[in-house]
Amino acid sequence: MKLLTIIMIPFTIFFIFFLISFKSFLNKEKLSPFECGFDPFSLSRVPFSLKFFLIAIIFLIFDIEIVIILPFPLLFFNKNMMFLITFIIINILISWGLIYEWKKGMLEWLK
């Protein structure tokens, strides 16, 4: 009974949100951009530099790697050899990724 309740609660919440967020695709003019009755003169998407996107992706990757590395000094006192090997492998992979990005010129802002 408890398992049935645990399963039914998320399905009920999902079903309620599905009913609330149901969009009608019958009137596609409502979904198109409107500019005083004329066709839009500009694009609806603002262009951005791909360099900013690449820097953001690199930042996120290294940020996640830092979050992975931070607990290792606390685990080092466990004196388990597996933790040390894992720490060395993660550091080698991070260094290898940094060297790869450097060689490909992804870290150079001005070219």
N, C-alpha and C. Protein backbone atom coordinates (compact mmCIF):
# COMPACT_ATOMS: atom_id res chain seq x y z
N MET A 1 0.83 -1.19 0.00
CA MET A 1 0.00 0.00 0.00
C MET A 1 0.87 1.26 0.00
N LYS A 2 1.95 1.21 0.78
CA LYS A 2 2.84 2.36 0.85
C LYS A 2 3.53 2.60 -0.49
N LEU A 3 3.93 1.52 -1.15
CA LEU A 3 4.57 1.62 -2.46
C LEU A 3 3.60 2.20 -3.49
N LEU A 4 2.35 1.78 -3.44
CA LEU A 4 1.34 2.31 -4.35
C LEU A 4 1.14 3.81 -4.14
N THR A 5 1.14 4.24 -2.91
CA THR A 5 1.01 5.67 -2.61
C THR A 5 2.22 6.44 -3.12
N ILE A 6 3.40 5.90 -2.93
CA ILE A 6 4.62 6.57 -3.39
C ILE A 6 4.63 6.68 -4.91
N ILE A 7 4.11 5.69 -5.59
CA ILE A 7 4.07 5.72 -7.05
C ILE A 7 2.97 6.64 -7.56
N MET A 8 1.82 6.65 -6.91
CA MET A 8 0.67 7.41 -7.40
C MET A 8 0.81 8.92 -7.20
N ILE A 9 1.50 9.36 -6.17
CA ILE A 9 1.63 10.80 -5.91
C ILE A 9 2.36 11.51 -7.05
N PRO A 10 3.53 11.04 -7.50
CA PRO A 10 4.17 11.74 -8.63
C PRO A 10 3.36 11.68 -9.92
N PHE A 11 2.70 10.55 -10.18
CA PHE A 11 1.88 10.46 -11.38
C PHE A 11 0.69 11.41 -11.32
N THR A 12 0.09 11.57 -10.16
CA THR A 12 -1.02 12.50 -10.01
C THR A 12 -0.55 13.94 -10.22
N ILE A 13 0.58 14.29 -9.63
CA ILE A 13 1.12 15.65 -9.82
C ILE A 13 1.46 15.88 -11.28
N PHE A 14 2.07 14.91 -11.94
CA PHE A 14 2.40 15.03 -13.36
C PHE A 14 1.13 15.21 -14.19
N PHE A 15 0.08 14.45 -13.90
CA PHE A 15 -1.16 14.54 -14.66
C PHE A 15 -1.83 15.89 -14.47
N ILE A 16 -1.82 16.42 -13.26
CA ILE A 16 -2.41 17.74 -13.00
C ILE A 16 -1.65 18.82 -13.75
N PHE A 17 -0.31 18.78 -13.72
CA PHE A 17 0.48 19.77 -14.46
C PHE A 17 0.28 19.62 -15.96
N PHE A 18 0.10 18.40 -16.43
CA PHE A 18 -0.14 18.18 -17.86
C PHE A 18 -1.47 18.80 -18.27
N LEU A 19 -2.50 18.66 -17.45
CA LEU A 19 -3.79 19.25 -17.78
C LEU A 19 -3.75 20.77 -17.72
N ILE A 20 -3.02 21.31 -16.77
CA ILE A 20 -2.94 22.77 -16.63
C ILE A 20 -2.14 23.39 -17.77
N SER A 21 -1.06 22.76 -18.16
CA SER A 21 -0.17 23.36 -19.15
C SER A 21 -0.49 22.96 -20.58
N PHE A 22 -1.61 22.34 -20.84
CA PHE A 22 -1.96 21.92 -22.19
C PHE A 22 -2.22 23.15 -23.05
N LYS A 23 -1.49 23.26 -24.17
CA LYS A 23 -1.61 24.41 -25.06
C LYS A 23 -2.39 24.00 -26.30
N SER A 24 -3.19 24.90 -26.76
CA SER A 24 -3.95 24.65 -27.98
C SER A 24 -3.14 25.11 -29.18
N PHE A 25 -2.95 24.22 -30.13
CA PHE A 25 -2.23 24.55 -31.34
C PHE A 25 -3.18 24.84 -32.50
N LEU A 26 -4.45 25.07 -32.19
CA LEU A 26 -5.42 25.33 -33.24
C LEU A 26 -5.21 26.71 -33.86
N ASN A 27 -4.78 27.68 -33.07
CA ASN A 27 -4.62 29.04 -33.55
C ASN A 27 -3.13 29.39 -33.56
N LYS A 28 -2.46 29.12 -34.68
CA LYS A 28 -1.01 29.32 -34.73
C LYS A 28 -0.64 30.80 -34.86
N GLU A 29 -1.58 31.65 -35.21
CA GLU A 29 -1.27 33.08 -35.30
C GLU A 29 -0.96 33.67 -33.92
N LYS A 30 -1.52 33.09 -32.90
CA LYS A 30 -1.24 33.57 -31.55
C LYS A 30 0.20 33.28 -31.13
N LEU A 31 0.79 32.27 -31.73
CA LEU A 31 2.15 31.91 -31.37
C LEU A 31 3.19 32.68 -32.17
N SER A 32 2.80 33.34 -33.24
CA SER A 32 3.75 34.08 -34.07
C SER A 32 3.97 35.48 -33.50
N PRO A 33 5.15 36.06 -33.75
CA PRO A 33 5.41 37.42 -33.26
C PRO A 33 4.54 38.43 -34.01
N PHE A 34 4.11 39.46 -33.30
CA PHE A 34 3.21 40.46 -33.88
C PHE A 34 3.88 41.83 -33.78
N GLU A 35 3.94 42.52 -34.91
CA GLU A 35 4.55 43.84 -34.93
C GLU A 35 3.64 44.78 -35.71
N CYS A 36 2.58 45.26 -35.07
CA CYS A 36 1.62 46.21 -35.65
C CYS A 36 1.00 45.68 -36.95
N GLY A 37 0.77 44.40 -37.04
CA GLY A 37 0.13 43.85 -38.22
C GLY A 37 1.07 43.54 -39.36
N PHE A 38 2.33 43.94 -39.26
CA PHE A 38 3.30 43.68 -40.32
C PHE A 38 4.15 42.46 -39.96
N ASP A 39 4.85 41.96 -40.95
CA ASP A 39 5.81 40.91 -40.66
C ASP A 39 6.95 41.50 -39.82
N PRO A 40 7.48 40.76 -38.90
CA PRO A 40 8.57 41.30 -38.07
C PRO A 40 9.79 41.64 -38.92
N PHE A 41 10.39 42.80 -38.62
CA PHE A 41 11.56 43.26 -39.37
C PHE A 41 12.86 42.65 -38.85
N SER A 42 12.88 42.32 -37.61
CA SER A 42 14.11 41.78 -37.03
C SER A 42 13.88 40.33 -36.60
N LEU A 43 14.98 39.66 -36.37
CA LEU A 43 14.89 38.28 -35.91
C LEU A 43 14.41 38.25 -34.46
N SER A 44 13.69 37.21 -34.12
CA SER A 44 13.22 37.10 -32.75
C SER A 44 14.33 36.64 -31.80
N ARG A 45 15.39 36.08 -32.36
CA ARG A 45 16.52 35.65 -31.54
C ARG A 45 17.66 36.64 -31.68
N VAL A 46 18.24 36.97 -30.56
CA VAL A 46 19.35 37.91 -30.55
C VAL A 46 20.64 37.11 -30.79
N PRO A 47 21.44 37.48 -31.79
CA PRO A 47 22.68 36.74 -32.02
C PRO A 47 23.70 37.02 -30.91
N PHE A 48 24.48 36.01 -30.59
CA PHE A 48 25.53 36.18 -29.60
C PHE A 48 26.78 35.48 -30.10
N SER A 49 27.88 35.89 -29.53
CA SER A 49 29.16 35.36 -29.96
C SER A 49 29.33 33.92 -29.49
N LEU A 50 29.83 33.09 -30.37
CA LEU A 50 30.09 31.70 -30.02
C LEU A 50 31.21 31.59 -28.99
N LYS A 51 32.09 32.58 -28.98
CA LYS A 51 33.21 32.58 -28.02
C LYS A 51 32.68 32.66 -26.58
N PHE A 52 31.64 33.48 -26.35
CA PHE A 52 31.05 33.56 -25.02
C PHE A 52 30.47 32.21 -24.61
N PHE A 53 29.84 31.53 -25.55
CA PHE A 53 29.26 30.22 -25.26
C PHE A 53 30.34 29.21 -24.90
N LEU A 54 31.43 29.19 -25.65
CA LEU A 54 32.52 28.25 -25.36
C LEU A 54 33.16 28.53 -24.01
N ILE A 55 33.35 29.81 -23.69
CA ILE A 55 33.93 30.16 -22.38
C ILE A 55 32.98 29.73 -21.26
N ALA A 56 31.68 29.89 -21.47
CA ALA A 56 30.71 29.47 -20.45
C ALA A 56 30.73 27.96 -20.25
N ILE A 57 30.84 27.21 -21.34
CA ILE A 57 30.91 25.75 -21.23
C ILE A 57 32.19 25.31 -20.52
N ILE A 58 33.31 25.94 -20.87
CA ILE A 58 34.58 25.61 -20.20
C ILE A 58 34.49 25.93 -18.71
N PHE A 59 33.87 27.07 -18.38
CA PHE A 59 33.70 27.44 -16.97
C PHE A 59 32.87 26.40 -16.23
N LEU A 60 31.77 25.96 -16.83
CA LEU A 60 30.92 24.97 -16.17
C LEU A 60 31.65 23.64 -15.97
N ILE A 61 32.42 23.23 -16.97
CA ILE A 61 33.16 21.97 -16.84
C ILE A 61 34.17 22.05 -15.71
N PHE A 62 34.95 23.14 -15.66
CA PHE A 62 35.94 23.26 -14.60
C PHE A 62 35.29 23.49 -13.24
N ASP A 63 34.13 24.11 -13.21
CA ASP A 63 33.42 24.29 -11.95
C ASP A 63 32.96 22.94 -11.40
N ILE A 64 32.46 22.09 -12.25
CA ILE A 64 32.06 20.75 -11.81
C ILE A 64 33.27 19.95 -11.35
N GLU A 65 34.38 20.11 -12.03
CA GLU A 65 35.59 19.39 -11.63
C GLU A 65 36.08 19.86 -10.26
N ILE A 66 35.96 21.14 -9.98
CA ILE A 66 36.36 21.65 -8.67
C ILE A 66 35.46 21.07 -7.58
N VAL A 67 34.17 20.96 -7.87
CA VAL A 67 33.25 20.38 -6.89
C VAL A 67 33.60 18.91 -6.63
N ILE A 68 34.08 18.22 -7.66
CA ILE A 68 34.49 16.82 -7.47
C ILE A 68 35.77 16.74 -6.64
N ILE A 69 36.70 17.68 -6.83
CA ILE A 69 37.99 17.63 -6.15
C ILE A 69 37.90 18.07 -4.68
N LEU A 70 36.99 18.98 -4.35
CA LEU A 70 36.95 19.55 -3.00
C LEU A 70 36.84 18.52 -1.87
N PRO A 71 36.07 17.46 -1.97
CA PRO A 71 35.99 16.52 -0.84
C PRO A 71 37.21 15.63 -0.65
N PHE A 72 38.13 15.59 -1.60
CA PHE A 72 39.25 14.66 -1.51
C PHE A 72 40.19 14.91 -0.33
N PRO A 73 40.47 16.14 0.09
CA PRO A 73 41.32 16.28 1.29
C PRO A 73 40.70 15.66 2.54
N LEU A 74 39.37 15.70 2.65
CA LEU A 74 38.73 15.07 3.80
C LEU A 74 38.79 13.55 3.70
N LEU A 75 38.72 13.03 2.49
CA LEU A 75 38.78 11.58 2.31
C LEU A 75 40.21 11.04 2.38
N PHE A 76 41.18 11.93 2.29
CA PHE A 76 42.57 11.51 2.31
C PHE A 76 42.95 10.90 3.66
N PHE A 77 42.28 11.35 4.73
CA PHE A 77 42.58 10.81 6.06
C PHE A 77 42.06 9.39 6.23
N ASN A 78 41.27 8.94 5.29
CA ASN A 78 40.78 7.57 5.32
C ASN A 78 41.90 6.57 5.06
N LYS A 79 42.97 7.04 4.43
CA LYS A 79 44.16 6.25 4.13
C LYS A 79 43.85 5.02 3.29
N ASN A 80 42.93 5.19 2.38
CA ASN A 80 42.60 4.14 1.44
C ASN A 80 43.32 4.45 0.13
N MET A 81 43.99 3.49 -0.42
CA MET A 81 44.77 3.71 -1.64
C MET A 81 43.88 4.02 -2.84
N MET A 82 42.64 3.54 -2.82
CA MET A 82 41.73 3.77 -3.94
C MET A 82 41.39 5.26 -4.06
N PHE A 83 41.25 5.95 -2.94
CA PHE A 83 40.96 7.38 -2.98
C PHE A 83 42.13 8.15 -3.60
N LEU A 84 43.33 7.77 -3.25
CA LEU A 84 44.52 8.43 -3.80
C LEU A 84 44.63 8.20 -5.30
N ILE A 85 44.39 6.98 -5.74
CA ILE A 85 44.44 6.68 -7.17
C ILE A 85 43.36 7.44 -7.93
N THR A 86 42.16 7.50 -7.36
CA THR A 86 41.07 8.25 -7.99
C THR A 86 41.40 9.73 -8.08
N PHE A 87 41.97 10.28 -7.02
CA PHE A 87 42.36 11.69 -7.01
C PHE A 87 43.40 11.98 -8.08
N ILE A 88 44.39 11.11 -8.22
CA ILE A 88 45.43 11.30 -9.23
C ILE A 88 44.85 11.20 -10.64
N ILE A 89 43.96 10.25 -10.86
CA ILE A 89 43.34 10.09 -12.19
C ILE A 89 42.50 11.31 -12.54
N ILE A 90 41.73 11.83 -11.60
CA ILE A 90 40.91 13.01 -11.86
C ILE A 90 41.79 14.21 -12.17
N ASN A 91 42.88 14.39 -11.43
CA ASN A 91 43.78 15.51 -11.70
C ASN A 91 44.46 15.37 -13.06
N ILE A 92 44.82 14.16 -13.45
CA ILE A 92 45.42 13.95 -14.77
C ILE A 92 44.41 14.28 -15.87
N LEU A 93 43.16 13.86 -15.70
CA LEU A 93 42.13 14.16 -16.70
C LEU A 93 41.87 15.66 -16.81
N ILE A 94 41.84 16.35 -15.67
CA ILE A 94 41.63 17.80 -15.70
C ILE A 94 42.80 18.49 -16.39
N SER A 95 44.01 18.09 -16.07
CA SER A 95 45.18 18.69 -16.71
C SER A 95 45.21 18.39 -18.20
N TRP A 96 44.86 17.18 -18.57
CA TRP A 96 44.82 16.79 -19.98
C TRP A 96 43.78 17.62 -20.74
N GLY A 97 42.60 17.84 -20.13
CA GLY A 97 41.57 18.67 -20.76
C GLY A 97 42.01 20.11 -20.90
N LEU A 98 42.70 20.63 -19.89
CA LEU A 98 43.19 22.01 -19.96
C LEU A 98 44.23 22.16 -21.06
N ILE A 99 45.15 21.22 -21.16
CA ILE A 99 46.18 21.28 -22.21
C ILE A 99 45.53 21.16 -23.59
N TYR A 100 44.53 20.29 -23.73
CA TYR A 100 43.83 20.13 -25.01
C TYR A 100 43.14 21.44 -25.42
N GLU A 101 42.44 22.08 -24.47
CA GLU A 101 41.77 23.34 -24.78
C GLU A 101 42.79 24.43 -25.11
N TRP A 102 43.91 24.42 -24.44
CA TRP A 102 44.95 25.41 -24.70
C TRP A 102 45.55 25.22 -26.09
N LYS A 103 45.82 23.96 -26.47
CA LYS A 103 46.40 23.67 -27.79
C LYS A 103 45.43 24.00 -28.92
N LYS A 104 44.14 23.80 -28.69
CA LYS A 104 43.13 24.09 -29.71
C LYS A 104 42.82 25.59 -29.81
N GLY A 105 43.35 26.38 -28.88
CA GLY A 105 43.14 27.83 -28.92
C GLY A 105 41.81 28.28 -28.35
N MET A 106 41.17 27.44 -27.55
CA MET A 106 39.88 27.81 -26.99
C MET A 106 40.01 28.81 -25.85
N LEU A 107 41.19 28.93 -25.28
CA LEU A 107 41.39 29.84 -24.16
C LEU A 107 41.89 31.21 -24.60
N GLU A 108 42.21 31.36 -25.88
CA GLU A 108 42.67 32.65 -26.39
C GLU A 108 41.46 33.50 -26.76
N TRP A 109 41.35 34.65 -26.13
CA TRP A 109 40.19 35.50 -26.37
C TRP A 109 40.34 36.28 -27.68
N LEU A 110 41.50 36.84 -27.91
CA LEU A 110 41.74 37.61 -29.13
C LEU A 110 42.62 36.82 -30.07
N LYS A 111 42.21 36.76 -31.34
CA LYS A 111 43.01 36.04 -32.33
C LYS A 111 43.38 36.98 -33.46
